[in-house]
Amino acid sequence: MKEKLIKVGISVGDINGIGLEIILKTFEDHQILELCTPIIFASNKLVSFQRKHFNITTNFQGIDSIGAALEGKLNVLNCWKETPTVAFGQETEEGGKYAFLSLQAATEALKNNEIDVLVTAPINKNNIQSDDFHFPGHTDYLAEQLKGTSLMFMVSEDLKIGLLTDHVPLKNVSALITEKLIMEKARLMNESLIKDFRLQRPKIAVLGINPHCGDKGVIGTEDDDIIRPALKK
C-alpha cells in the first residue's frame, strides 16, 4: 500500500514581497510533488496574477477545503474572495493584512492536524502589526499559537546553528542569556537533530560571548558565570 504524502502548508508572506515568486518557482520542479502535497494558503486570483507577472509555468489547482487537496498537484486553498492590490516592493497595509490572513489560516490548519508541516514565506515585520498580530516575527507568533517553545535554526548540509535568542538587538543579547535558557535550547536542539535530521549522536557546541574569555574577566565574565556552569549541568 502506497504511503500518503505529508501535507505541507505554505503561507505566502507579504503579497508585495518575494514569497509567492519563490514558492511558484520552487514547484516548477515537478519532482518535489513526489515528496509532499503542498497547499498554498492564499487565493486563486492572487496566485494567478503573480504566476502571470513573473512568467512562471507552474500549474496549480484551486481548492476550497484542505480535504480536497490532491497528491501530485500544487494546491491553492482559497482563504479570501476579494482581490488585493499588489504593489511589488512597497510597504502597504494590504500587504500586511493578507500576510496575516494566510499565516493565520495555515496555523489553524496545523493546530487542527489538517497539515503536517508549515512553511512560512517572509513577512514585513512592520505592516503585519495589528490587534491580532503583535509579535516581532513568525517564531514568536507560532510559539504562542502552538503553546510550545521554539528553536530558530539556520541549516546547511554540514552545520546547523540554533539561536539562544530570537529577534533581539545585539546590545541586549548578553543580558538575556541564562543557564536555564542554554539548557532548554540545547535540549530542544538535541531532540530536533535526532528526530528531524536523523542524527543518532548529535555533537553540539555552544559559542562563547566574549572574545579572550580566558583573560580573567577583563572583557566580561558571562562565559565563566553562565555558559560554563550550564554546560557542566
Protein backbone atom coordinates (compact mmCIF):
# COMPACT_ATOMS: atom_id res chain seq x y z
CA MET A 1 0.00 0.00 0.00
CA LYS A 2 1.38 3.39 -1.00
CA GLU A 3 2.08 5.74 1.90
CA LYS A 4 0.22 9.04 1.85
CA LEU A 5 2.45 12.02 1.26
CA ILE A 6 2.80 14.58 4.01
CA LYS A 7 0.75 17.74 3.55
CA VAL A 8 2.87 20.86 3.59
CA GLY A 9 1.03 24.10 4.29
CA ILE A 10 2.65 27.26 2.90
CA SER A 11 1.81 30.80 3.99
CA VAL A 12 2.58 33.40 1.34
CA GLY A 13 4.04 36.21 3.45
CA ASP A 14 3.79 39.82 2.29
CA ILE A 15 1.98 39.84 -1.05
CA ASN A 16 4.25 42.69 -2.20
CA GLY A 17 7.37 40.65 -1.45
CA ILE A 18 9.23 37.65 -2.81
CA GLY A 19 7.20 34.90 -1.15
CA LEU A 20 4.86 33.74 -3.89
CA GLU A 21 7.51 34.17 -6.57
CA ILE A 22 9.83 31.80 -4.67
CA ILE A 23 7.02 29.33 -3.96
CA LEU A 24 5.90 29.13 -7.58
CA LYS A 25 9.46 28.86 -8.91
CA THR A 26 10.18 26.10 -6.40
CA PHE A 27 7.37 23.96 -7.75
CA GLU A 28 8.48 24.36 -11.35
CA ASP A 29 10.48 21.27 -10.38
CA HIS A 30 7.72 18.66 -10.54
CA GLN A 31 9.84 16.09 -8.69
CA ILE A 32 9.10 17.92 -5.44
CA LEU A 33 5.47 16.84 -5.81
CA GLU A 34 6.64 13.25 -5.36
CA LEU A 35 7.81 14.13 -1.84
CA CYS A 36 4.84 16.05 -0.46
CA THR A 37 1.41 17.53 -1.15
CA PRO A 38 1.81 21.31 -0.99
CA ILE A 39 -1.06 23.61 -0.05
CA ILE A 40 -0.65 27.38 -0.51
CA PHE A 41 -2.88 29.45 1.77
CA ALA A 42 -3.92 32.39 -0.44
CA SER A 43 -6.37 32.71 -3.34
CA ASN A 44 -6.54 31.59 -6.95
CA LYS A 45 -6.63 35.20 -8.19
CA LEU A 46 -3.52 36.24 -6.27
CA VAL A 47 -1.52 33.19 -7.35
CA SER A 48 -2.67 33.55 -10.97
CA PHE A 49 -1.69 37.23 -11.01
CA GLN A 50 1.81 36.55 -9.71
CA ARG A 51 2.23 33.50 -11.94
CA LYS A 52 1.46 35.65 -15.00
CA HIS A 53 3.51 38.62 -13.79
CA PHE A 54 6.68 36.56 -13.34
CA ASN A 55 6.02 34.39 -16.39
CA ILE A 56 6.18 31.21 -14.30
CA THR A 57 4.95 27.96 -15.82
CA THR A 58 3.96 26.23 -12.58
CA ASN A 59 0.42 24.85 -12.71
CA PHE A 60 -1.86 24.72 -9.69
CA GLN A 61 -5.37 23.78 -8.73
CA GLY A 62 -7.68 25.84 -6.52
CA ILE A 63 -9.43 24.13 -3.62
CA ASP A 64 -11.99 25.29 -1.05
CA SER A 65 -11.06 22.79 1.66
CA ILE A 66 -7.87 21.03 2.70
CA GLY A 67 -9.60 17.70 2.27
CA ALA A 68 -9.86 18.44 -1.46
CA ALA A 69 -6.07 18.69 -1.91
CA LEU A 70 -4.72 16.25 -4.49
CA GLU A 71 -1.38 14.47 -4.41
CA GLY A 72 0.86 15.26 -7.35
CA LYS A 73 -0.61 18.78 -7.60
CA LEU A 74 0.25 22.21 -6.25
CA ASN A 75 -2.91 23.14 -4.36
CA VAL A 76 -4.10 26.66 -3.53
CA LEU A 77 -6.60 26.96 -0.68
CA ASN A 78 -8.83 29.97 -1.20
CA CYS A 79 -8.67 31.91 2.09
CA TRP A 80 -10.33 35.09 0.81
CA LYS A 81 -12.56 36.12 -2.09
CA GLU A 82 -11.51 39.73 -2.68
CA THR A 83 -8.65 40.73 -4.97
CA PRO A 84 -5.97 42.65 -3.04
CA THR A 85 -3.84 45.25 -4.77
CA VAL A 86 -0.25 44.09 -5.27
CA ALA A 87 2.46 46.79 -5.21
CA PHE A 88 5.78 44.96 -5.51
CA GLY A 89 8.48 46.27 -3.21
CA GLN A 90 6.12 48.63 -1.39
CA GLU A 91 5.07 48.53 2.26
CA THR A 92 1.28 48.69 2.29
CA GLU A 93 -1.50 47.97 4.76
CA GLU A 94 -2.93 45.36 2.38
CA GLY A 95 0.42 43.59 2.23
CA GLY A 96 0.36 43.08 5.98
CA LYS A 97 -3.34 42.23 6.13
CA TYR A 98 -3.18 39.37 3.67
CA ALA A 99 0.14 38.09 5.00
CA PHE A 100 -1.58 37.64 8.35
CA LEU A 101 -4.73 36.08 6.88
CA SER A 102 -2.55 33.50 5.11
CA LEU A 103 -0.46 32.79 8.22
CA GLN A 104 -3.50 32.61 10.48
CA ALA A 105 -5.31 30.11 8.25
CA ALA A 106 -2.21 27.96 7.83
CA THR A 107 -1.52 27.96 11.57
CA GLU A 108 -5.09 26.92 12.33
CA ALA A 109 -4.74 24.05 9.86
CA LEU A 110 -1.56 22.94 11.62
CA LYS A 111 -3.22 23.13 15.05
CA ASN A 112 -6.13 21.04 13.74
CA ASN A 113 -3.75 18.42 12.24
CA GLU A 114 -5.05 19.14 8.74
CA ILE A 115 -1.48 19.69 7.54
CA ASP A 116 1.71 18.03 8.77
CA VAL A 117 4.25 20.82 8.22
CA LEU A 118 4.09 24.60 7.94
CA VAL A 119 6.45 26.60 5.72
CA THR A 120 6.27 30.39 6.00
CA ALA A 121 7.29 32.88 3.32
CA PRO A 122 8.75 36.22 4.53
CA ILE A 123 6.53 38.81 6.19
CA ASN A 124 7.13 42.52 6.63
CA LYS A 125 7.52 42.78 10.40
CA ASN A 126 6.11 46.31 10.43
CA ASN A 127 2.99 46.30 8.28
CA ILE A 128 1.72 42.99 9.67
CA GLN A 129 1.36 44.50 13.14
CA SER A 130 -2.27 44.68 14.34
CA ASP A 131 -4.51 43.82 17.27
CA ASP A 132 -4.24 40.17 16.19
CA PHE A 133 -0.50 40.17 15.46
CA HIS A 134 1.76 41.96 17.92
CA PHE A 135 4.92 39.89 17.64
CA PRO A 136 8.44 40.63 16.35
CA GLY A 137 8.22 37.72 13.90
CA HIS A 138 6.73 34.37 12.84
CA THR A 139 8.64 32.48 15.51
CA ASP A 140 7.04 34.24 18.44
CA TYR A 141 3.54 34.05 16.95
CA LEU A 142 3.82 30.33 16.31
CA ALA A 143 5.24 29.68 19.78
CA GLU A 144 2.17 31.31 21.34
CA GLN A 145 -0.33 29.68 18.99
CA LEU A 146 1.17 26.20 19.36
CA LYS A 147 1.82 26.67 23.09
CA GLY A 148 5.38 25.46 22.88
CA THR A 149 8.99 26.56 22.99
CA SER A 150 10.58 27.48 19.69
CA LEU A 151 14.11 27.00 18.39
CA MET A 152 15.25 29.02 15.41
CA PHE A 153 17.66 27.09 13.17
CA MET A 154 19.95 28.17 10.35
CA VAL A 155 20.61 24.97 8.44
CA SER A 156 23.16 23.74 5.90
CA GLU A 157 24.21 20.22 4.97
CA ASP A 158 27.18 20.18 7.35
CA LEU A 159 26.25 22.71 10.04
CA LYS A 160 23.09 23.56 11.95
CA ILE A 161 23.11 26.73 14.06
CA GLY A 162 20.49 27.14 16.78
CA LEU A 163 19.83 30.57 18.29
CA LEU A 164 19.55 31.22 22.03
CA THR A 165 17.65 34.47 21.50
CA ASP A 166 15.25 35.49 18.73
CA HIS A 167 14.59 38.95 17.29
CA VAL A 168 16.64 40.74 19.93
CA PRO A 169 19.01 43.70 19.33
CA LEU A 170 22.63 42.61 19.67
CA LYS A 171 23.20 45.07 22.53
CA ASN A 172 20.58 43.24 24.65
CA VAL A 173 21.63 39.65 23.99
CA SER A 174 24.06 39.03 26.88
CA ALA A 175 21.53 40.21 29.49
CA LEU A 176 19.01 37.61 28.29
CA ILE A 177 21.32 34.58 28.36
CA THR A 178 20.77 32.38 31.43
CA GLU A 179 21.68 28.85 32.48
CA LYS A 180 18.03 27.85 32.12
CA LEU A 181 17.83 29.25 28.57
CA ILE A 182 21.03 27.48 27.48
CA MET A 183 19.88 24.15 28.90
CA GLU A 184 16.39 24.41 27.36
CA LYS A 185 17.64 25.37 23.88
CA ALA A 186 20.33 22.67 23.98
CA ARG A 187 17.65 20.09 24.87
CA LEU A 188 15.44 21.27 22.00
CA MET A 189 18.36 21.21 19.59
CA ASN A 190 19.37 17.69 20.62
CA GLU A 191 15.80 16.44 20.18
CA SER A 192 15.50 18.08 16.75
CA LEU A 193 18.83 16.78 15.50
CA ILE A 194 17.75 13.25 16.42
CA LYS A 195 14.12 13.43 15.29
CA ASP A 196 14.24 15.79 12.31
CA PHE A 197 17.77 15.25 10.98
CA ARG A 198 18.17 11.56 11.95
CA LEU A 199 21.47 12.07 13.77
CA GLN A 200 21.90 9.34 16.36
CA ARG A 201 24.55 11.06 18.48
CA PRO A 202 24.50 14.79 17.74
CA LYS A 203 27.51 16.93 18.59
CA ILE A 204 26.53 20.32 19.98
CA ALA A 205 28.94 23.18 20.58
CA VAL A 206 27.99 26.34 22.47
CA LEU A 207 29.61 29.57 21.31
CA GLY A 208 31.04 31.94 23.89
CA ILE A 209 30.03 35.57 24.29
CA ASN A 210 33.30 37.33 24.99
CA PRO A 211 36.48 37.28 22.93
CA HIS A 212 39.53 36.48 25.11
CA CYS A 213 37.25 34.99 27.74
CA GLY A 214 40.30 33.38 29.32
CA ASP A 215 41.65 36.77 30.39
CA LYS A 216 40.02 36.50 33.83
CA GLY A 217 37.00 38.67 33.12
CA VAL A 218 38.76 41.72 31.69
CA ILE A 219 36.22 41.85 28.84
CA GLY A 220 33.34 40.07 30.59
CA THR A 221 32.52 37.16 32.90
CA GLU A 222 29.38 35.73 31.26
CA ASP A 223 31.25 32.75 29.81
CA ASP A 224 32.54 31.64 33.24
CA ASP A 225 29.49 32.71 35.26
CA ILE A 226 26.68 31.47 32.98
CA ILE A 227 27.76 29.37 29.99
CA ARG A 228 30.34 27.09 31.62
CA PRO A 229 28.08 26.15 34.60
CA ALA A 230 25.19 25.40 32.21
CA LEU A 231 27.39 23.07 30.14
CA LYS A 232 28.54 21.23 33.25
CA LYS A 233 24.93 20.64 34.27
